[in-house]
Amino acid sequence: ADYPVERDLHLQGRGLLPVPYYPVDRTRAPDASLPSLPRLLGSTRAAL
């Protein structure tokens, strides 16, 4: 697997459950003009 650290994992008879990894796209943010920002953060946090 493409991973930042090279290592060996010895399972010693245990199973392995692969879980897919999907990176988060941090280049986009929702438009704050939408009324959903207070619902997301709460009205006080959105105002602050």
ModelCIF file with pLDDT and N, C-alpha, C, O atoms, coordinates in Angstrom:
data_MODEL
#
_entry.id   MODEL 
#
_entity.id                         1 
_entity.type                       polymer 
_entity.pdbx_number_of_molecules   1 
#
_entity_poly.entity_id                      1 
_entity_poly.type                           'polypeptide(L)' 
_entity_poly.nstd_linkage                   no 
_entity_poly.nstd_monomer                   no 
_entity_poly.pdbx_seq_one_letter_code       ADYPVERDLHLQGRGLLPVPYYPVDRTRAPDASLPSLPRLLGSTRAAL 
_entity_poly.pdbx_seq_one_letter_code_can   ADYPVERDLHLQGRGLLPVPYYPVDRTRAPDASLPSLPRLLGSTRAAL 
_entity_poly.pdbx_strand_id                 A 
#
loop_
_entity_poly_seq.entity_id 
_entity_poly_seq.num 
_entity_poly_seq.mon_id 
_entity_poly_seq.hetero 
1 1  ALA n 
1 2  ASP n 
1 3  TYR n 
1 4  PRO n 
1 5  VAL n 
1 6  GLU n 
1 7  ARG n 
1 8  ASP n 
1 9  LEU n 
1 10 HIS n 
1 11 LEU n 
1 12 GLN n 
1 13 GLY n 
1 14 ARG n 
1 15 GLY n 
1 16 LEU n 
1 17 LEU n 
1 18 PRO n 
1 19 VAL n 
1 20 PRO n 
1 21 TYR n 
1 22 TYR n 
1 23 PRO n 
1 24 VAL n 
1 25 ASP n 
1 26 ARG n 
1 27 THR n 
1 28 ARG n 
1 29 ALA n 
1 30 PRO n 
1 31 ASP n 
1 32 ALA n 
1 33 SER n 
1 34 LEU n 
1 35 PRO n 
1 36 SER n 
1 37 LEU n 
1 38 PRO n 
1 39 ARG n 
1 40 LEU n 
1 41 LEU n 
1 42 GLY n 
1 43 SER n 
1 44 THR n 
1 45 ARG n 
1 46 ALA n 
1 47 ALA n 
1 48 LEU n 
#
_struct_asym.id          A 
_struct_asym.entity_id   1 
#
loop_
_ma_qa_metric.id 
_ma_qa_metric.mode 
_ma_qa_metric.name 
_ma_qa_metric.software_group_id 
_ma_qa_metric.type 
1 global pLDDT . pLDDT 
2 local  pLDDT . pLDDT 
#
_ma_qa_metric_global.metric_id      1 
_ma_qa_metric_global.metric_value   71.85 
_ma_qa_metric_global.model_id       1 
_ma_qa_metric_global.ordinal_id     1 
#
loop_
_ma_qa_metric_local.label_asym_id 
_ma_qa_metric_local.label_comp_id 
_ma_qa_metric_local.label_seq_id 
_ma_qa_metric_local.metric_id 
_ma_qa_metric_local.metric_value 
_ma_qa_metric_local.model_id 
_ma_qa_metric_local.ordinal_id 
A ALA 1  2 68.00 1 1  
A ASP 2  2 70.00 1 2  
A TYR 3  2 69.00 1 3  
A PRO 4  2 75.00 1 4  
A VAL 5  2 77.00 1 5  
A GLU 6  2 80.00 1 6  
A ARG 7  2 77.00 1 7  
A ASP 8  2 78.00 1 8  
A LEU 9  2 74.00 1 9  
A HIS 10 2 79.00 1 10 
A LEU 11 2 81.00 1 11 
A GLN 12 2 84.00 1 12 
A GLY 13 2 85.00 1 13 
A ARG 14 2 85.00 1 14 
A GLY 15 2 82.00 1 15 
A LEU 16 2 78.00 1 16 
A LEU 17 2 77.00 1 17 
A PRO 18 2 72.00 1 18 
A VAL 19 2 72.00 1 19 
A PRO 20 2 70.00 1 20 
A TYR 21 2 65.00 1 21 
A TYR 22 2 60.00 1 22 
A PRO 23 2 60.00 1 23 
A VAL 24 2 51.00 1 24 
A ASP 25 2 51.00 1 25 
A ARG 26 2 49.00 1 26 
A THR 27 2 50.00 1 27 
A ARG 28 2 48.00 1 28 
A ALA 29 2 46.00 1 29 
A PRO 30 2 46.00 1 30 
A ASP 31 2 50.00 1 31 
A ALA 32 2 45.00 1 32 
A SER 33 2 50.00 1 33 
A LEU 34 2 50.00 1 34 
A PRO 35 2 63.00 1 35 
A SER 36 2 76.00 1 36 
A LEU 37 2 82.00 1 37 
A PRO 38 2 84.00 1 38 
A ARG 39 2 83.00 1 39 
A LEU 40 2 85.00 1 40 
A LEU 41 2 88.00 1 41 
A GLY 42 2 88.00 1 42 
A SER 43 2 88.00 1 43 
A THR 44 2 91.00 1 44 
A ARG 45 2 92.00 1 45 
A ALA 46 2 91.00 1 46 
A ALA 47 2 91.00 1 47 
A LEU 48 2 93.00 1 48 
#
loop_
_atom_site.group_PDB 
_atom_site.id 
_atom_site.type_symbol 
_atom_site.label_atom_id 
_atom_site.label_alt_id 
_atom_site.label_comp_id 
_atom_site.label_asym_id 
_atom_site.label_entity_id 
_atom_site.label_seq_id 
_atom_site.pdbx_PDB_ins_code 
_atom_site.Cartn_x 
_atom_site.Cartn_y 
_atom_site.Cartn_z 
_atom_site.occupancy 
_atom_site.B_iso_or_equiv 
_atom_site.pdbx_formal_charge 
_atom_site.auth_seq_id 
_atom_site.auth_comp_id 
_atom_site.auth_asym_id 
_atom_site.auth_atom_id 
_atom_site.pdbx_PDB_model_num 
ATOM 1   N N  . ALA A 1 1  ? 0.849   -1.194  0.000  1.00 68.00 ? 1  ALA A N  1 
ATOM 2   C CA . ALA A 1 1  ? 0.000   0.000   0.000  1.00 68.00 ? 1  ALA A CA 1 
ATOM 3   C C  . ALA A 1 1  ? 0.879   1.236   0.000  1.00 68.00 ? 1  ALA A C  1 
ATOM 4   O O  . ALA A 1 1  ? 1.966   1.242   0.577  1.00 68.00 ? 1  ALA A O  1 
ATOM 5   N N  . ASP A 1 2  ? 0.393   2.286   -0.656 1.00 70.00 ? 2  ASP A N  1 
ATOM 6   C CA . ASP A 1 2  ? 1.088   3.561   -0.649 1.00 70.00 ? 2  ASP A CA 1 
ATOM 7   C C  . ASP A 1 2  ? 0.843   4.219   0.704  1.00 70.00 ? 2  ASP A C  1 
ATOM 8   O O  . ASP A 1 2  ? -0.271  4.647   1.004  1.00 70.00 ? 2  ASP A O  1 
ATOM 9   N N  . TYR A 1 3  ? 1.893   4.294   1.514  1.00 69.00 ? 3  TYR A N  1 
ATOM 10  C CA . TYR A 1 3  ? 1.784   4.807   2.870  1.00 69.00 ? 3  TYR A CA 1 
ATOM 11  C C  . TYR A 1 3  ? 3.061   5.573   3.174  1.00 69.00 ? 3  TYR A C  1 
ATOM 12  O O  . TYR A 1 3  ? 4.131   5.175   2.713  1.00 69.00 ? 3  TYR A O  1 
ATOM 13  N N  . PRO A 1 4  ? 2.984   6.669   3.942  1.00 75.00 ? 4  PRO A N  1 
ATOM 14  C CA . PRO A 1 4  ? 4.184   7.486   4.161  1.00 75.00 ? 4  PRO A CA 1 
ATOM 15  C C  . PRO A 1 4  ? 5.304   6.786   4.937  1.00 75.00 ? 4  PRO A C  1 
ATOM 16  O O  . PRO A 1 4  ? 6.452   7.227   4.894  1.00 75.00 ? 4  PRO A O  1 
ATOM 17  N N  . VAL A 1 5  ? 4.984   5.713   5.637  1.00 77.00 ? 5  VAL A N  1 
ATOM 18  C CA . VAL A 1 5  ? 5.991   5.008   6.423  1.00 77.00 ? 5  VAL A CA 1 
ATOM 19  C C  . VAL A 1 5  ? 6.068   3.566   5.934  1.00 77.00 ? 5  VAL A C  1 
ATOM 20  O O  . VAL A 1 5  ? 5.041   2.900   5.796  1.00 77.00 ? 5  VAL A O  1 
ATOM 21  N N  . GLU A 1 6  ? 7.275   3.082   5.672  1.00 80.00 ? 6  GLU A N  1 
ATOM 22  C CA . GLU A 1 6  ? 7.433   1.693   5.250  1.00 80.00 ? 6  GLU A CA 1 
ATOM 23  C C  . GLU A 1 6  ? 7.552   0.830   6.491  1.00 80.00 ? 6  GLU A C  1 
ATOM 24  O O  . GLU A 1 6  ? 8.380   1.088   7.364  1.00 80.00 ? 6  GLU A O  1 
ATOM 25  N N  . ARG A 1 7  ? 6.710   -0.202  6.562  1.00 77.00 ? 7  ARG A N  1 
ATOM 26  C CA . ARG A 1 7  ? 6.746   -1.072  7.727  1.00 77.00 ? 7  ARG A CA 1 
ATOM 27  C C  . ARG A 1 7  ? 6.164   -2.429  7.389  1.00 77.00 ? 7  ARG A C  1 
ATOM 28  O O  . ARG A 1 7  ? 5.392   -2.564  6.440  1.00 77.00 ? 7  ARG A O  1 
ATOM 29  N N  . ASP A 1 8  ? 6.532   -3.420  8.158  1.00 78.00 ? 8  ASP A N  1 
ATOM 30  C CA . ASP A 1 8  ? 5.985   -4.766  8.042  1.00 78.00 ? 8  ASP A CA 1 
ATOM 31  C C  . ASP A 1 8  ? 4.999   -4.978  9.178  1.00 78.00 ? 8  ASP A C  1 
ATOM 32  O O  . ASP A 1 8  ? 5.264   -4.614  10.324 1.00 78.00 ? 8  ASP A O  1 
ATOM 33  N N  . LEU A 1 9  ? 3.876   -5.561  8.853  1.00 74.00 ? 9  LEU A N  1 
ATOM 34  C CA . LEU A 1 9  ? 2.856   -5.852  9.852  1.00 74.00 ? 9  LEU A CA 1 
ATOM 35  C C  . LEU A 1 9  ? 2.693   -7.362  9.907  1.00 74.00 ? 9  LEU A C  1 
ATOM 36  O O  . LEU A 1 9  ? 2.243   -7.971  8.936  1.00 74.00 ? 9  LEU A O  1 
ATOM 37  N N  . HIS A 1 10 ? 3.044   -7.961  11.001 1.00 79.00 ? 10 HIS A N  1 
ATOM 38  C CA . HIS A 1 10 ? 2.934   -9.407  11.185 1.00 79.00 ? 10 HIS A CA 1 
ATOM 39  C C  . HIS A 1 10 ? 1.591   -9.701  11.848 1.00 79.00 ? 10 HIS A C  1 
ATOM 40  O O  . HIS A 1 10 ? 1.372   -9.339  13.004 1.00 79.00 ? 10 HIS A O  1 
ATOM 41  N N  . LEU A 1 11 ? 0.700   -10.354 11.119 1.00 81.00 ? 11 LEU A N  1 
ATOM 42  C CA . LEU A 1 11 ? -0.654  -10.588 11.608 1.00 81.00 ? 11 LEU A CA 1 
ATOM 43  C C  . LEU A 1 11 ? -0.740  -11.721 12.623 1.00 81.00 ? 11 LEU A C  1 
ATOM 44  O O  . LEU A 1 11 ? -1.663  -11.743 13.438 1.00 81.00 ? 11 LEU A O  1 
ATOM 45  N N  . GLN A 1 12 ? 0.182   -12.643 12.593 1.00 84.00 ? 12 GLN A N  1 
ATOM 46  C CA . GLN A 1 12 ? 0.230   -13.756 13.549 1.00 84.00 ? 12 GLN A CA 1 
ATOM 47  C C  . GLN A 1 12 ? -1.114  -14.470 13.658 1.00 84.00 ? 12 GLN A C  1 
ATOM 48  O O  . GLN A 1 12 ? -1.614  -14.727 14.754 1.00 84.00 ? 12 GLN A O  1 
ATOM 49  N N  . GLY A 1 13 ? -1.685  -14.783 12.498 1.00 85.00 ? 13 GLY A N  1 
ATOM 50  C CA . GLY A 1 13 ? -2.928  -15.533 12.455 1.00 85.00 ? 13 GLY A CA 1 
ATOM 51  C C  . GLY A 1 13 ? -4.192  -14.700 12.512 1.00 85.00 ? 13 GLY A C  1 
ATOM 52  O O  . GLY A 1 13 ? -5.285  -15.235 12.327 1.00 85.00 ? 13 GLY A O  1 
ATOM 53  N N  . ARG A 1 14 ? -4.075  -13.415 12.762 1.00 85.00 ? 14 ARG A N  1 
ATOM 54  C CA . ARG A 1 14 ? -5.253  -12.536 12.792 1.00 85.00 ? 14 ARG A CA 1 
ATOM 55  C C  . ARG A 1 14 ? -5.646  -12.167 11.370 1.00 85.00 ? 14 ARG A C  1 
ATOM 56  O O  . ARG A 1 14 ? -4.814  -12.188 10.463 1.00 85.00 ? 14 ARG A O  1 
ATOM 57  N N  . GLY A 1 15 ? -6.910  -11.830 11.182 1.00 82.00 ? 15 GLY A N  1 
ATOM 58  C CA . GLY A 1 15 ? -7.391  -11.399 9.880  1.00 82.00 ? 15 GLY A CA 1 
ATOM 59  C C  . GLY A 1 15 ? -7.058  -9.943  9.622  1.00 82.00 ? 15 GLY A C  1 
ATOM 60  O O  . GLY A 1 15 ? -6.650  -9.215  10.527 1.00 82.00 ? 15 GLY A O  1 
ATOM 61  N N  . LEU A 1 16 ? -7.232  -9.534  8.396  1.00 78.00 ? 16 LEU A N  1 
ATOM 62  C CA . LEU A 1 16 ? -6.971  -8.156  8.000  1.00 78.00 ? 16 LEU A CA 1 
ATOM 63  C C  . LEU A 1 16 ? -8.196  -7.642  7.268  1.00 78.00 ? 16 LEU A C  1 
ATOM 64  O O  . LEU A 1 16 ? -8.649  -8.263  6.307  1.00 78.00 ? 16 LEU A O  1 
ATOM 65  N N  . LEU A 1 17 ? -8.729  -6.531  7.705  1.00 77.00 ? 17 LEU A N  1 
ATOM 66  C CA . LEU A 1 17 ? -9.892  -5.919  7.080  1.00 77.00 ? 17 LEU A CA 1 
ATOM 67  C C  . LEU A 1 17 ? -9.449  -4.641  6.390  1.00 77.00 ? 17 LEU A C  1 
ATOM 68  O O  . LEU A 1 17 ? -9.271  -3.621  7.056  1.00 77.00 ? 17 LEU A O  1 
ATOM 69  N N  . PRO A 1 18 ? -9.264  -4.663  5.057  1.00 72.00 ? 18 PRO A N  1 
ATOM 70  C CA . PRO A 1 18 ? -8.872  -3.434  4.356  1.00 72.00 ? 18 PRO A CA 1 
ATOM 71  C C  . PRO A 1 18 ? -10.027 -2.429  4.350  1.00 72.00 ? 18 PRO A C  1 
ATOM 72  O O  . PRO A 1 18 ? -11.170 -2.796  4.076  1.00 72.00 ? 18 PRO A O  1 
ATOM 73  N N  . VAL A 1 19 ? -9.733  -1.182  4.647  1.00 72.00 ? 19 VAL A N  1 
ATOM 74  C CA . VAL A 1 19 ? -10.718 -0.114  4.642  1.00 72.00 ? 19 VAL A CA 1 
ATOM 75  C C  . VAL A 1 19 ? -10.267 0.916   3.620  1.00 72.00 ? 19 VAL A C  1 
ATOM 76  O O  . VAL A 1 19 ? -9.147  1.420   3.714  1.00 72.00 ? 19 VAL A O  1 
ATOM 77  N N  . PRO A 1 20 ? -11.111 1.242   2.644  1.00 70.00 ? 20 PRO A N  1 
ATOM 78  C CA . PRO A 1 20 ? -10.687 2.224   1.633  1.00 70.00 ? 20 PRO A CA 1 
ATOM 79  C C  . PRO A 1 20 ? -10.493 3.594   2.261  1.00 70.00 ? 20 PRO A C  1 
ATOM 80  O O  . PRO A 1 20 ? -11.179 3.960   3.215  1.00 70.00 ? 20 PRO A O  1 
ATOM 81  N N  . TYR A 1 21 ? -9.561  4.335   1.718  1.00 65.00 ? 21 TYR A N  1 
ATOM 82  C CA . TYR A 1 21 ? -9.248  5.675   2.211  1.00 65.00 ? 21 TYR A CA 1 
ATOM 83  C C  . TYR A 1 21 ? -9.541  6.658   1.106  1.00 65.00 ? 21 TYR A C  1 
ATOM 84  O O  . TYR A 1 21 ? -9.021  6.533   -0.003 1.00 65.00 ? 21 TYR A O  1 
ATOM 85  N N  . TYR A 1 22 ? -10.369 7.633   1.405  1.00 60.00 ? 22 TYR A N  1 
ATOM 86  C CA . TYR A 1 22 ? -10.699 8.677   0.445  1.00 60.00 ? 22 TYR A CA 1 
ATOM 87  C C  . TYR A 1 22 ? -10.246 10.004  1.011  1.00 60.00 ? 22 TYR A C  1 
ATOM 88  O O  . TYR A 1 22 ? -10.814 10.457  2.005  1.00 60.00 ? 22 TYR A O  1 
ATOM 89  N N  . PRO A 1 23 ? -9.243  10.656  0.424  1.00 60.00 ? 23 PRO A N  1 
ATOM 90  C CA . PRO A 1 23 ? -8.775  11.937  0.965  1.00 60.00 ? 23 PRO A CA 1 
ATOM 91  C C  . PRO A 1 23 ? -9.851  13.012  0.848  1.00 60.00 ? 23 PRO A C  1 
ATOM 92  O O  . PRO A 1 23 ? -10.655 13.009  -0.084 1.00 60.00 ? 23 PRO A O  1 
ATOM 93  N N  . VAL A 1 24 ? -9.849  13.919  1.799  1.00 51.00 ? 24 VAL A N  1 
ATOM 94  C CA . VAL A 1 24 ? -10.812 15.015  1.819  1.00 51.00 ? 24 VAL A CA 1 
ATOM 95  C C  . VAL A 1 24 ? -10.300 16.137  0.932  1.00 51.00 ? 24 VAL A C  1 
ATOM 96  O O  . VAL A 1 24 ? -9.128  16.508  0.996  1.00 51.00 ? 24 VAL A O  1 
ATOM 97  N N  . ASP A 1 25 ? -11.184 16.672  0.108  1.00 51.00 ? 25 ASP A N  1 
ATOM 98  C CA . ASP A 1 25 ? -10.827 17.809  -0.735 1.00 51.00 ? 25 ASP A CA 1 
ATOM 99  C C  . ASP A 1 25 ? -10.961 19.075  0.097  1.00 51.00 ? 25 ASP A C  1 
ATOM 100 O O  . ASP A 1 25 ? -12.074 19.531  0.357  1.00 51.00 ? 25 ASP A O  1 
ATOM 101 N N  . ARG A 1 26 ? -9.828  19.652  0.521  1.00 49.00 ? 26 ARG A N  1 
ATOM 102 C CA . ARG A 1 26 ? -9.851  20.845  1.374  1.00 49.00 ? 26 ARG A CA 1 
ATOM 103 C C  . ARG A 1 26 ? -9.741  22.129  0.559  1.00 49.00 ? 26 ARG A C  1 
ATOM 104 O O  . ARG A 1 26 ? -9.575  23.207  1.130  1.00 49.00 ? 26 ARG A O  1 
ATOM 105 N N  . THR A 1 27 ? -9.829  22.033  -0.747 1.00 50.00 ? 27 THR A N  1 
ATOM 106 C CA . THR A 1 27 ? -9.701  23.220  -1.574 1.00 50.00 ? 27 THR A CA 1 
ATOM 107 C C  . THR A 1 27 ? -11.031 23.951  -1.728 1.00 50.00 ? 27 THR A C  1 
ATOM 108 O O  . THR A 1 27 ? -11.051 25.112  -2.135 1.00 50.00 ? 27 THR A O  1 
ATOM 109 N N  . ARG A 1 28 ? -12.131 23.294  -1.411 1.00 48.00 ? 28 ARG A N  1 
ATOM 110 C CA . ARG A 1 28 ? -13.437 23.908  -1.573 1.00 48.00 ? 28 ARG A CA 1 
ATOM 111 C C  . ARG A 1 28 ? -14.121 24.032  -0.226 1.00 48.00 ? 28 ARG A C  1 
ATOM 112 O O  . ARG A 1 28 ? -13.980 23.170  0.641  1.00 48.00 ? 28 ARG A O  1 
ATOM 113 N N  . ALA A 1 29 ? -14.847 25.093  -0.066 1.00 46.00 ? 29 ALA A N  1 
ATOM 114 C CA . ALA A 1 29 ? -15.637 25.281  1.146  1.00 46.00 ? 29 ALA A CA 1 
ATOM 115 C C  . ALA A 1 29 ? -17.032 25.720  0.722  1.00 46.00 ? 29 ALA A C  1 
ATOM 116 O O  . ALA A 1 29 ? -17.188 26.343  -0.328 1.00 46.00 ? 29 ALA A O  1 
ATOM 117 N N  . PRO A 1 30 ? -18.035 25.409  1.511  1.00 46.00 ? 30 PRO A N  1 
ATOM 118 C CA . PRO A 1 30 ? -19.387 25.810  1.148  1.00 46.00 ? 30 PRO A CA 1 
ATOM 119 C C  . PRO A 1 30 ? -19.548 27.318  1.143  1.00 46.00 ? 30 PRO A C  1 
ATOM 120 O O  . PRO A 1 30 ? -18.858 28.027  1.875  1.00 46.00 ? 30 PRO A O  1 
ATOM 121 N N  . ASP A 1 31 ? -20.450 27.800  0.325  1.00 50.00 ? 31 ASP A N  1 
ATOM 122 C CA . ASP A 1 31 ? -20.748 29.222  0.250  1.00 50.00 ? 31 ASP A CA 1 
ATOM 123 C C  . ASP A 1 31 ? -21.505 29.640  1.507  1.00 50.00 ? 31 ASP A C  1 
ATOM 124 O O  . ASP A 1 31 ? -22.583 29.117  1.794  1.00 50.00 ? 31 ASP A O  1 
ATOM 125 N N  . ALA A 1 32 ? -20.939 30.578  2.249  1.00 45.00 ? 32 ALA A N  1 
ATOM 126 C CA . ALA A 1 32 ? -21.545 30.993  3.519  1.00 45.00 ? 32 ALA A CA 1 
ATOM 127 C C  . ALA A 1 32 ? -22.822 31.788  3.317  1.00 45.00 ? 32 ALA A C  1 
ATOM 128 O O  . ALA A 1 32 ? -23.570 32.001  4.271  1.00 45.00 ? 32 ALA A O  1 
ATOM 129 N N  . SER A 1 33 ? -23.088 32.233  2.090  1.00 50.00 ? 33 SER A N  1 
ATOM 130 C CA . SER A 1 33 ? -24.325 32.957  1.867  1.00 50.00 ? 33 SER A CA 1 
ATOM 131 C C  . SER A 1 33 ? -25.523 32.009  1.971  1.00 50.00 ? 33 SER A C  1 
ATOM 132 O O  . SER A 1 33 ? -26.665 32.459  2.060  1.00 50.00 ? 33 SER A O  1 
ATOM 133 N N  . LEU A 1 34 ? -25.265 30.712  1.961  1.00 50.00 ? 34 LEU A N  1 
ATOM 134 C CA . LEU A 1 34 ? -26.343 29.757  2.147  1.00 50.00 ? 34 LEU A CA 1 
ATOM 135 C C  . LEU A 1 34 ? -26.806 29.794  3.596  1.00 50.00 ? 34 LEU A C  1 
ATOM 136 O O  . LEU A 1 34 ? -25.988 29.976  4.498  1.00 50.00 ? 34 LEU A O  1 
ATOM 137 N N  . PRO A 1 35 ? -28.074 29.628  3.831  1.00 63.00 ? 35 PRO A N  1 
ATOM 138 C CA . PRO A 1 35 ? -28.572 29.674  5.206  1.00 63.00 ? 35 PRO A CA 1 
ATOM 139 C C  . PRO A 1 35 ? -28.168 28.466  6.031  1.00 63.00 ? 35 PRO A C  1 
ATOM 140 O O  . PRO A 1 35 ? -28.543 28.372  7.199  1.00 63.00 ? 35 PRO A O  1 
ATOM 141 N N  . SER A 1 36 ? -27.414 27.541  5.457  1.00 76.00 ? 36 SER A N  1 
ATOM 142 C CA . SER A 1 36 ? -27.048 26.324  6.177  1.00 76.00 ? 36 SER A CA 1 
ATOM 143 C C  . SER A 1 36 ? -25.873 26.520  7.138  1.00 76.00 ? 36 SER A C  1 
ATOM 144 O O  . SER A 1 36 ? -25.649 25.666  7.996  1.00 76.00 ? 36 SER A O  1 
ATOM 145 N N  . LEU A 1 37 ? -25.121 27.606  7.024  1.00 82.00 ? 37 LEU A N  1 
ATOM 146 C CA . LEU A 1 37 ? -23.970 27.802  7.915  1.00 82.00 ? 37 LEU A CA 1 
ATOM 147 C C  . LEU A 1 37 ? -24.388 27.850  9.387  1.00 82.00 ? 37 LEU A C  1 
ATOM 148 O O  . LEU A 1 37 ? -23.757 27.173  10.200 1.00 82.00 ? 37 LEU A O  1 
ATOM 149 N N  . PRO A 1 38 ? -25.401 28.602  9.769  1.00 84.00 ? 38 PRO A N  1 
ATOM 150 C CA . PRO A 1 38 ? -25.829 28.555  11.179 1.00 84.00 ? 38 PRO A CA 1 
ATOM 151 C C  . PRO A 1 38 ? -26.321 27.165  11.587 1.00 84.00 ? 38 PRO A C  1 
ATOM 152 O O  . PRO A 1 38 ? -26.138 26.764  12.737 1.00 84.00 ? 38 PRO A O  1 
ATOM 153 N N  . ARG A 1 39 ? -26.933 26.434  10.674 1.00 83.00 ? 39 ARG A N  1 
ATOM 154 C CA . ARG A 1 39 ? -27.367 25.073  11.019 1.00 83.00 ? 39 ARG A CA 1 
ATOM 155 C C  . ARG A 1 39 ? -26.172 24.162  11.207 1.00 83.00 ? 39 ARG A C  1 
ATOM 156 O O  . ARG A 1 39 ? -26.209 23.251  12.034 1.00 83.00 ? 39 ARG A O  1 
ATOM 157 N N  . LEU A 1 40 ? -25.113 24.398  10.450 1.00 85.00 ? 40 LEU A N  1 
ATOM 158 C CA . LEU A 1 40 ? -23.906 23.578  10.560 1.00 85.00 ? 40 LEU A CA 1 
ATOM 159 C C  . LEU A 1 40 ? -23.153 23.877  11.852 1.00 85.00 ? 40 LEU A C  1 
ATOM 160 O O  . LEU A 1 40 ? -22.803 22.966  12.603 1.00 85.00 ? 40 LEU A O  1 
ATOM 161 N N  . LEU A 1 41 ? -22.906 25.163  12.103 1.00 88.00 ? 41 LEU A N  1 
ATOM 162 C CA . LEU A 1 41 ? -22.091 25.573  13.246 1.00 88.00 ? 41 LEU A CA 1 
ATOM 163 C C  . LEU A 1 41 ? -22.898 25.904  14.490 1.00 88.00 ? 41 LEU A C  1 
ATOM 164 O O  . LEU A 1 41 ? -22.381 25.832  15.604 1.00 88.00 ? 41 LEU A O  1 
ATOM 165 N N  . GLY A 1 42 ? -24.139 26.261  14.311 1.00 88.00 ? 42 GLY A N  1 
ATOM 166 C CA . GLY A 1 42 ? -24.940 26.845  15.380 1.00 88.00 ? 42 GLY A CA 1 
ATOM 167 C C  . GLY A 1 42 ? -24.937 28.348  15.179 1.00 88.00 ? 42 GLY A C  1 
ATOM 168 O O  . GLY A 1 42 ? -23.959 28.907  14.684 1.00 88.00 ? 42 GLY A O  1 
ATOM 169 N N  . SER A 1 43 ? -26.012 29.001  15.554 1.00 88.00 ? 43 SER A N  1 
ATOM 170 C CA . SER A 1 43 ? -26.138 30.434  15.260 1.00 88.00 ? 43 SER A CA 1 
ATOM 171 C C  . SER A 1 43 ? -25.086 31.265  15.979 1.00 88.00 ? 43 SER A C  1 
ATOM 172 O O  . SER A 1 43 ? -24.572 32.228  15.410 1.00 88.00 ? 43 SER A O  1 
ATOM 173 N N  . THR A 1 44 ? -24.756 30.913  17.216 1.00 91.00 ? 44 THR A N  1 
ATOM 174 C CA . THR A 1 44 ? -23.764 31.693  17.966 1.00 91.00 ? 44 THR A CA 1 
ATOM 175 C C  . THR A 1 44 ? -22.381 31.554  17.348 1.00 91.00 ? 44 THR A C  1 
ATOM 176 O O  . THR A 1 44 ? -21.685 32.551  17.156 1.00 91.00 ? 44 THR A O  1 
ATOM 177 N N  . ARG A 1 45 ? -21.978 30.329  17.035 1.00 92.00 ? 45 ARG A N  1 
ATOM 178 C CA . ARG A 1 45 ? -20.651 30.117  16.438 1.00 92.00 ? 45 ARG A CA 1 
ATOM 179 C C  . ARG A 1 45 ? -20.567 30.761  15.058 1.00 92.00 ? 45 ARG A C  1 
ATOM 180 O O  . ARG A 1 45 ? -19.544 31.353  14.714 1.00 92.00 ? 45 ARG A O  1 
ATOM 181 N N  . ALA A 1 46 ? -21.621 30.652  14.273 1.00 91.00 ? 46 ALA A N  1 
ATOM 182 C CA . ALA A 1 46 ? -21.618 31.273  12.949 1.00 91.00 ? 46 ALA A CA 1 
ATOM 183 C C  . ALA A 1 46 ? -21.483 32.787  13.075 1.00 91.00 ? 46 ALA A C  1 
ATOM 184 O O  . ALA A 1 46 ? -20.743 33.408  12.312 1.00 91.00 ? 46 ALA A O  1 
ATOM 185 N N  . ALA A 1 47 ? -22.191 33.386  14.031 1.00 91.00 ? 47 ALA A N  1 
ATOM 186 C CA . ALA A 1 47 ? -22.101 34.831  14.244 1.00 91.00 ? 47 ALA A CA 1 
ATOM 187 C C  . ALA A 1 47 ? -20.704 35.229  14.710 1.00 91.00 ? 47 ALA A C  1 
ATOM 188 O O  . ALA A 1 47 ? -20.162 36.235  14.253 1.00 91.00 ? 47 ALA A O  1 
ATOM 189 N N  . LEU A 1 48 ? -20.121 34.449  15.613 1.00 93.00 ? 48 LEU A N  1 
ATOM 190 C CA . LEU A 1 48 ? -18.763 34.751  16.090 1.00 93.00 ? 48 LEU A CA 1 
ATOM 191 C C  . LEU A 1 48 ? -17.742 34.632  14.973 1.00 93.00 ? 48 LEU A C  1 
ATOM 192 O O  . LEU A 1 48 ? -16.552 34.852  15.198 1.00 93.00 ? 48 LEU A O  1 
#
